[in-house]
Amino acid sequence: MFEKPSSSPLAQPFVDGLSKRQLMFQRCEVCAKAQTLARYACQFCGTETLRWYESKGNGKVYSVTQVGRAPSESFKALVPYALAIVSLDEGFKLMGHTRNGVVIGDRVVAHYFEHDGQVLLRFEIASKPE
């Protein structure tokens, strides 16, 4: 069984969001810029006035790679799998799983899946408008 990584109290809103299938991010209340990787201060203007928001999960693939070697025993069952860095519409980038065949520039939306008792993020191709 996969041992869940412990999260810091600072990142707990992000972790709790995943378990509820919500994608959470921080936004600075002063400069209005969004950021990932939970911080005590804005990475852009340095103020400590940050608030958590829920992302709609829509974005564009910035980068994608195929993983052929599992980083741990738990992930061996998933190999090979694809990971993508996605530029979310709210203004931040985040990495998550994706399907094979996703390419840079594709519009995607956040979905979630459970693996070894943990909720993980998976970006799926957004449906095309008709």
N, C-alpha and C. Protein backbone atom coordinates (compact mmCIF):
# COMPACT_ATOMS: atom_id res chain seq x y z
N MET A 1 0.84 -1.20 0.00
CA MET A 1 0.00 0.00 0.00
C MET A 1 0.88 1.24 0.00
N PHE A 2 0.47 2.21 -0.75
CA PHE A 2 1.18 3.49 -0.87
C PHE A 2 1.03 4.28 0.42
N GLU A 3 2.14 4.77 0.95
CA GLU A 3 2.08 5.62 2.14
C GLU A 3 1.86 7.05 1.68
N LYS A 4 0.74 7.61 2.09
CA LYS A 4 0.40 8.97 1.67
C LYS A 4 1.44 9.95 2.18
N PRO A 5 1.88 10.86 1.32
CA PRO A 5 2.82 11.87 1.80
C PRO A 5 2.09 12.81 2.76
N SER A 6 2.81 13.25 3.76
CA SER A 6 2.19 14.20 4.68
C SER A 6 2.23 15.58 4.03
N SER A 7 1.19 16.34 4.25
CA SER A 7 1.17 17.68 3.69
C SER A 7 1.35 18.68 4.82
N SER A 8 1.91 19.80 4.48
CA SER A 8 2.09 20.85 5.47
C SER A 8 0.75 21.53 5.72
N PRO A 9 0.57 22.13 6.88
CA PRO A 9 -0.68 22.86 7.13
C PRO A 9 -0.92 23.94 6.07
N LEU A 10 0.15 24.49 5.53
CA LEU A 10 0.02 25.52 4.51
C LEU A 10 -0.65 24.99 3.25
N ALA A 11 -0.33 23.76 2.87
CA ALA A 11 -0.89 23.16 1.65
C ALA A 11 -2.19 22.40 1.90
N GLN A 12 -2.65 22.34 3.12
CA GLN A 12 -3.83 21.53 3.45
C GLN A 12 -5.07 21.91 2.64
N PRO A 13 -5.34 23.19 2.37
CA PRO A 13 -6.52 23.51 1.54
C PRO A 13 -6.45 22.88 0.14
N PHE A 14 -5.26 22.78 -0.44
CA PHE A 14 -5.10 22.13 -1.75
C PHE A 14 -5.39 20.64 -1.63
N VAL A 15 -4.80 20.00 -0.61
CA VAL A 15 -4.97 18.56 -0.40
C VAL A 15 -6.43 18.24 -0.09
N ASP A 16 -7.05 19.03 0.78
CA ASP A 16 -8.47 18.82 1.11
C ASP A 16 -9.34 19.00 -0.13
N GLY A 17 -8.99 19.96 -0.97
CA GLY A 17 -9.73 20.17 -2.21
C GLY A 17 -9.70 18.96 -3.11
N LEU A 18 -8.52 18.36 -3.27
CA LEU A 18 -8.41 17.16 -4.11
C LEU A 18 -9.33 16.06 -3.59
N SER A 19 -9.36 15.87 -2.28
CA SER A 19 -10.20 14.80 -1.74
C SER A 19 -11.69 15.07 -2.00
N LYS A 20 -12.05 16.34 -2.20
CA LYS A 20 -13.44 16.72 -2.53
C LYS A 20 -13.63 16.90 -4.03
N ARG A 21 -12.56 16.59 -4.78
CA ARG A 21 -12.54 16.77 -6.24
C ARG A 21 -12.74 18.23 -6.63
N GLN A 22 -12.01 19.08 -5.91
CA GLN A 22 -11.96 20.50 -6.20
C GLN A 22 -10.49 20.89 -6.38
N LEU A 23 -10.22 21.74 -7.34
CA LEU A 23 -8.87 22.20 -7.61
C LEU A 23 -8.70 23.59 -6.99
N MET A 24 -7.93 23.67 -5.91
CA MET A 24 -7.77 24.92 -5.16
C MET A 24 -6.44 25.60 -5.51
N PHE A 25 -6.46 26.93 -5.49
CA PHE A 25 -5.25 27.71 -5.74
C PHE A 25 -5.30 28.97 -4.90
N GLN A 26 -4.13 29.60 -4.72
CA GLN A 26 -4.07 30.86 -3.99
C GLN A 26 -4.08 32.03 -4.96
N ARG A 27 -4.73 33.13 -4.54
CA ARG A 27 -4.70 34.38 -5.30
C ARG A 27 -4.37 35.50 -4.31
N CYS A 28 -3.49 36.40 -4.75
CA CYS A 28 -3.10 37.55 -3.93
C CYS A 28 -4.25 38.58 -3.95
N GLU A 29 -4.61 39.05 -2.79
CA GLU A 29 -5.69 40.02 -2.68
C GLU A 29 -5.21 41.44 -3.04
N VAL A 30 -3.89 41.63 -3.18
CA VAL A 30 -3.34 42.95 -3.52
C VAL A 30 -3.10 43.07 -5.03
N CYS A 31 -2.30 42.16 -5.60
CA CYS A 31 -1.98 42.26 -7.03
C CYS A 31 -2.86 41.38 -7.91
N ALA A 32 -3.68 40.53 -7.30
CA ALA A 32 -4.65 39.66 -7.98
C ALA A 32 -4.02 38.53 -8.79
N LYS A 33 -2.74 38.26 -8.61
CA LYS A 33 -2.10 37.16 -9.35
C LYS A 33 -2.35 35.83 -8.64
N ALA A 34 -2.51 34.79 -9.45
CA ALA A 34 -2.73 33.44 -8.93
C ALA A 34 -1.40 32.72 -8.82
N GLN A 35 -1.34 31.79 -7.88
CA GLN A 35 -0.12 31.00 -7.72
C GLN A 35 -0.45 29.61 -7.21
N THR A 36 0.43 28.67 -7.56
CA THR A 36 0.36 27.32 -7.02
C THR A 36 1.51 27.19 -6.03
N LEU A 37 1.66 26.01 -5.49
CA LEU A 37 2.64 25.78 -4.44
C LEU A 37 2.35 26.75 -3.30
N ALA A 38 1.53 26.34 -2.39
CA ALA A 38 1.07 27.17 -1.28
C ALA A 38 2.23 27.92 -0.63
N ARG A 39 2.03 29.19 -0.43
CA ARG A 39 3.06 30.05 0.14
C ARG A 39 2.44 30.95 1.20
N TYR A 40 3.32 31.51 2.03
CA TYR A 40 2.87 32.48 3.03
C TYR A 40 2.77 33.88 2.45
N ALA A 41 3.49 34.12 1.35
CA ALA A 41 3.50 35.45 0.73
C ALA A 41 3.37 35.31 -0.78
N CYS A 42 2.87 36.34 -1.41
CA CYS A 42 2.72 36.36 -2.86
C CYS A 42 4.09 36.31 -3.52
N GLN A 43 4.25 35.41 -4.48
CA GLN A 43 5.53 35.29 -5.18
C GLN A 43 5.77 36.45 -6.13
N PHE A 44 4.76 37.28 -6.38
CA PHE A 44 4.88 38.38 -7.32
C PHE A 44 5.12 39.72 -6.63
N CYS A 45 4.33 40.01 -5.58
CA CYS A 45 4.47 41.33 -4.94
C CYS A 45 4.93 41.26 -3.49
N GLY A 46 4.97 40.04 -2.93
CA GLY A 46 5.51 39.87 -1.59
C GLY A 46 4.55 40.09 -0.43
N THR A 47 3.33 40.54 -0.71
CA THR A 47 2.40 40.75 0.39
C THR A 47 1.91 39.41 0.94
N GLU A 48 1.41 39.43 2.15
CA GLU A 48 0.96 38.21 2.81
C GLU A 48 -0.56 38.07 2.79
N THR A 49 -1.19 38.76 1.87
CA THR A 49 -2.65 38.74 1.78
C THR A 49 -3.08 37.78 0.69
N LEU A 50 -3.05 36.49 1.01
CA LEU A 50 -3.41 35.45 0.06
C LEU A 50 -4.71 34.79 0.50
N ARG A 51 -5.50 34.38 -0.50
CA ARG A 51 -6.77 33.71 -0.22
C ARG A 51 -6.90 32.51 -1.15
N TRP A 52 -7.54 31.44 -0.66
CA TRP A 52 -7.76 30.24 -1.46
C TRP A 52 -9.04 30.38 -2.28
N TYR A 53 -8.98 29.92 -3.53
CA TYR A 53 -10.12 29.93 -4.45
C TYR A 53 -10.21 28.57 -5.12
N GLU A 54 -11.40 28.26 -5.64
CA GLU A 54 -11.56 27.03 -6.41
C GLU A 54 -11.44 27.35 -7.89
N SER A 55 -10.59 26.61 -8.58
CA SER A 55 -10.42 26.76 -10.02
C SER A 55 -11.56 26.05 -10.75
N LYS A 56 -11.92 26.57 -11.91
CA LYS A 56 -12.89 25.87 -12.75
C LYS A 56 -12.25 24.66 -13.42
N GLY A 57 -10.90 24.60 -13.42
CA GLY A 57 -10.19 23.44 -13.95
C GLY A 57 -9.98 23.44 -15.45
N ASN A 58 -10.28 24.55 -16.11
CA ASN A 58 -10.09 24.64 -17.56
C ASN A 58 -8.73 25.26 -17.88
N GLY A 59 -8.06 24.70 -18.89
CA GLY A 59 -6.77 25.25 -19.25
C GLY A 59 -6.26 24.71 -20.57
N LYS A 60 -5.01 25.05 -20.84
CA LYS A 60 -4.35 24.69 -22.09
C LYS A 60 -3.04 23.98 -21.76
N VAL A 61 -2.78 22.87 -22.44
CA VAL A 61 -1.57 22.09 -22.19
C VAL A 61 -0.34 22.91 -22.59
N TYR A 62 0.55 23.10 -21.62
CA TYR A 62 1.79 23.85 -21.80
C TYR A 62 2.94 22.90 -22.14
N SER A 63 2.92 21.72 -21.53
CA SER A 63 3.97 20.73 -21.72
C SER A 63 3.40 19.35 -21.41
N VAL A 64 3.93 18.33 -22.05
CA VAL A 64 3.46 16.97 -21.77
C VAL A 64 4.64 16.01 -21.90
N THR A 65 4.65 14.97 -21.07
CA THR A 65 5.72 13.98 -21.13
C THR A 65 5.15 12.60 -20.80
N GLN A 66 5.84 11.59 -21.27
CA GLN A 66 5.45 10.20 -21.01
C GLN A 66 6.37 9.66 -19.92
N VAL A 67 5.79 9.08 -18.89
CA VAL A 67 6.57 8.49 -17.79
C VAL A 67 6.66 6.99 -18.02
N GLY A 68 7.88 6.50 -18.12
CA GLY A 68 8.11 5.08 -18.37
C GLY A 68 8.69 4.34 -17.18
N ARG A 69 9.06 5.10 -16.15
CA ARG A 69 9.64 4.49 -14.96
C ARG A 69 8.96 5.08 -13.73
N ALA A 70 8.32 4.26 -12.96
CA ALA A 70 7.56 4.72 -11.80
C ALA A 70 8.47 5.32 -10.73
N PRO A 71 8.04 6.43 -10.12
CA PRO A 71 8.85 7.04 -9.07
C PRO A 71 8.78 6.27 -7.75
N SER A 72 7.78 5.38 -7.61
CA SER A 72 7.65 4.57 -6.41
C SER A 72 6.91 3.28 -6.77
N GLU A 73 6.93 2.35 -5.85
CA GLU A 73 6.27 1.06 -6.05
C GLU A 73 4.78 1.24 -6.37
N SER A 74 4.15 2.18 -5.71
CA SER A 74 2.72 2.42 -5.88
C SER A 74 2.34 2.78 -7.31
N PHE A 75 3.22 3.49 -8.01
CA PHE A 75 2.89 3.97 -9.35
C PHE A 75 3.27 2.99 -10.47
N LYS A 76 3.88 1.87 -10.13
CA LYS A 76 4.27 0.90 -11.16
C LYS A 76 3.07 0.40 -11.95
N ALA A 77 1.92 0.28 -11.30
CA ALA A 77 0.72 -0.21 -11.99
C ALA A 77 0.23 0.76 -13.06
N LEU A 78 0.62 2.01 -12.98
CA LEU A 78 0.17 3.02 -13.94
C LEU A 78 1.09 3.16 -15.15
N VAL A 79 2.32 2.69 -15.05
CA VAL A 79 3.32 2.88 -16.10
C VAL A 79 2.93 2.11 -17.35
N PRO A 80 3.08 2.66 -18.54
CA PRO A 80 3.47 4.04 -18.80
C PRO A 80 2.26 4.98 -18.64
N TYR A 81 2.53 6.21 -18.21
CA TYR A 81 1.48 7.21 -18.09
C TYR A 81 2.00 8.57 -18.51
N ALA A 82 1.07 9.45 -18.83
CA ALA A 82 1.44 10.79 -19.29
C ALA A 82 1.18 11.81 -18.19
N LEU A 83 2.06 12.80 -18.10
CA LEU A 83 1.89 13.95 -17.22
C LEU A 83 1.91 15.21 -18.07
N ALA A 84 1.11 16.17 -17.67
CA ALA A 84 1.07 17.44 -18.40
C ALA A 84 1.18 18.59 -17.43
N ILE A 85 1.84 19.65 -17.87
CA ILE A 85 1.77 20.93 -17.16
C ILE A 85 0.74 21.74 -17.92
N VAL A 86 -0.26 22.22 -17.19
CA VAL A 86 -1.38 22.92 -17.80
C VAL A 86 -1.42 24.36 -17.29
N SER A 87 -1.57 25.30 -18.22
CA SER A 87 -1.80 26.70 -17.88
C SER A 87 -3.29 26.87 -17.66
N LEU A 88 -3.70 27.00 -16.40
CA LEU A 88 -5.11 27.13 -16.08
C LEU A 88 -5.60 28.54 -16.42
N ASP A 89 -6.87 28.65 -16.74
CA ASP A 89 -7.45 29.93 -17.16
C ASP A 89 -7.36 31.00 -16.08
N GLU A 90 -7.24 30.61 -14.81
CA GLU A 90 -7.13 31.58 -13.73
C GLU A 90 -5.74 32.20 -13.62
N GLY A 91 -4.77 31.67 -14.39
CA GLY A 91 -3.45 32.30 -14.43
C GLY A 91 -2.32 31.57 -13.72
N PHE A 92 -2.45 30.30 -13.46
CA PHE A 92 -1.36 29.54 -12.84
C PHE A 92 -1.15 28.24 -13.60
N LYS A 93 0.02 27.63 -13.41
CA LYS A 93 0.34 26.35 -14.05
C LYS A 93 0.35 25.25 -12.99
N LEU A 94 -0.08 24.06 -13.42
CA LEU A 94 -0.12 22.93 -12.50
C LEU A 94 0.10 21.64 -13.27
N MET A 95 0.81 20.68 -12.66
CA MET A 95 1.06 19.40 -13.29
C MET A 95 0.04 18.37 -12.82
N GLY A 96 -0.40 17.53 -13.73
CA GLY A 96 -1.30 16.44 -13.40
C GLY A 96 -1.21 15.34 -14.44
N HIS A 97 -1.82 14.23 -14.14
CA HIS A 97 -1.88 13.13 -15.10
C HIS A 97 -2.74 13.55 -16.28
N THR A 98 -2.55 12.87 -17.40
CA THR A 98 -3.39 13.08 -18.58
C THR A 98 -3.42 11.79 -19.38
N ARG A 99 -4.20 11.77 -20.43
CA ARG A 99 -4.29 10.59 -21.29
C ARG A 99 -3.20 10.63 -22.35
N ASN A 100 -2.83 9.46 -22.84
CA ASN A 100 -1.90 9.40 -23.98
C ASN A 100 -2.56 10.08 -25.16
N GLY A 101 -1.80 10.77 -25.96
CA GLY A 101 -2.33 11.44 -27.13
C GLY A 101 -2.62 12.92 -26.92
N VAL A 102 -2.61 13.39 -25.68
CA VAL A 102 -2.79 14.82 -25.41
C VAL A 102 -1.52 15.53 -25.88
N VAL A 103 -1.69 16.67 -26.55
CA VAL A 103 -0.53 17.39 -27.09
C VAL A 103 -0.54 18.84 -26.61
N ILE A 104 0.61 19.47 -26.71
CA ILE A 104 0.75 20.88 -26.35
C ILE A 104 -0.26 21.70 -27.13
N GLY A 105 -0.96 22.58 -26.42
CA GLY A 105 -1.96 23.43 -27.04
C GLY A 105 -3.38 22.93 -26.90
N ASP A 106 -3.56 21.65 -26.55
CA ASP A 106 -4.92 21.11 -26.35
C ASP A 106 -5.61 21.82 -25.19
N ARG A 107 -6.90 22.05 -25.33
CA ARG A 107 -7.72 22.55 -24.23
C ARG A 107 -8.13 21.34 -23.39
N VAL A 108 -7.96 21.46 -22.08
CA VAL A 108 -8.26 20.36 -21.18
C VAL A 108 -9.07 20.87 -19.99
N VAL A 109 -9.64 19.91 -19.27
CA VAL A 109 -10.40 20.22 -18.05
C VAL A 109 -9.99 19.22 -16.98
N ALA A 110 -9.96 19.69 -15.73
CA ALA A 110 -9.55 18.85 -14.61
C ALA A 110 -10.60 17.80 -14.27
N HIS A 111 -10.14 16.58 -14.11
CA HIS A 111 -10.94 15.47 -13.60
C HIS A 111 -10.10 14.81 -12.51
N TYR A 112 -10.64 13.83 -11.86
CA TYR A 112 -9.94 13.21 -10.73
C TYR A 112 -10.10 11.70 -10.82
N PHE A 113 -9.13 10.99 -10.25
CA PHE A 113 -9.23 9.53 -10.17
C PHE A 113 -8.56 9.08 -8.88
N GLU A 114 -8.97 7.92 -8.43
CA GLU A 114 -8.37 7.38 -7.21
C GLU A 114 -7.35 6.33 -7.57
N HIS A 115 -6.23 6.41 -6.88
CA HIS A 115 -5.17 5.42 -7.07
C HIS A 115 -4.57 5.13 -5.70
N ASP A 116 -4.66 3.88 -5.31
CA ASP A 116 -4.05 3.42 -4.06
C ASP A 116 -4.49 4.27 -2.86
N GLY A 117 -5.78 4.58 -2.82
CA GLY A 117 -6.33 5.31 -1.68
C GLY A 117 -6.11 6.81 -1.70
N GLN A 118 -5.65 7.33 -2.83
CA GLN A 118 -5.36 8.76 -2.94
C GLN A 118 -6.07 9.33 -4.16
N VAL A 119 -6.65 10.53 -4.01
CA VAL A 119 -7.28 11.20 -5.15
C VAL A 119 -6.20 11.98 -5.90
N LEU A 120 -6.10 11.72 -7.20
CA LEU A 120 -5.11 12.38 -8.05
C LEU A 120 -5.82 13.17 -9.15
N LEU A 121 -5.11 14.12 -9.69
CA LEU A 121 -5.62 15.00 -10.74
C LEU A 121 -5.31 14.41 -12.11
N ARG A 122 -6.31 14.43 -13.00
CA ARG A 122 -6.11 14.00 -14.38
C ARG A 122 -6.78 15.02 -15.30
N PHE A 123 -6.01 15.56 -16.24
CA PHE A 123 -6.56 16.49 -17.21
C PHE A 123 -7.05 15.72 -18.43
N GLU A 124 -8.32 15.96 -18.79
CA GLU A 124 -8.94 15.30 -19.94
C GLU A 124 -9.18 16.36 -21.03
N ILE A 125 -9.18 15.91 -22.28
CA ILE A 125 -9.46 16.81 -23.40
C ILE A 125 -10.84 17.44 -23.18
N ALA A 126 -10.92 18.74 -23.33
CA ALA A 126 -12.20 19.45 -23.20
C ALA A 126 -13.05 19.15 -24.43
N SER A 127 -14.34 19.04 -24.23
CA SER A 127 -15.21 18.78 -25.37
C SER A 127 -15.21 20.00 -26.30
N LYS A 128 -15.23 19.73 -27.55
CA LYS A 128 -15.18 20.79 -28.56
C LYS A 128 -16.56 21.43 -28.69
N PRO A 129 -16.62 22.77 -28.77
CA PRO A 129 -17.91 23.42 -28.97
C PRO A 129 -18.47 23.06 -30.36
N GLU A 130 -19.77 22.91 -30.44
CA GLU A 130 -20.38 22.50 -31.73
C GLU A 130 -20.81 23.67 -32.55
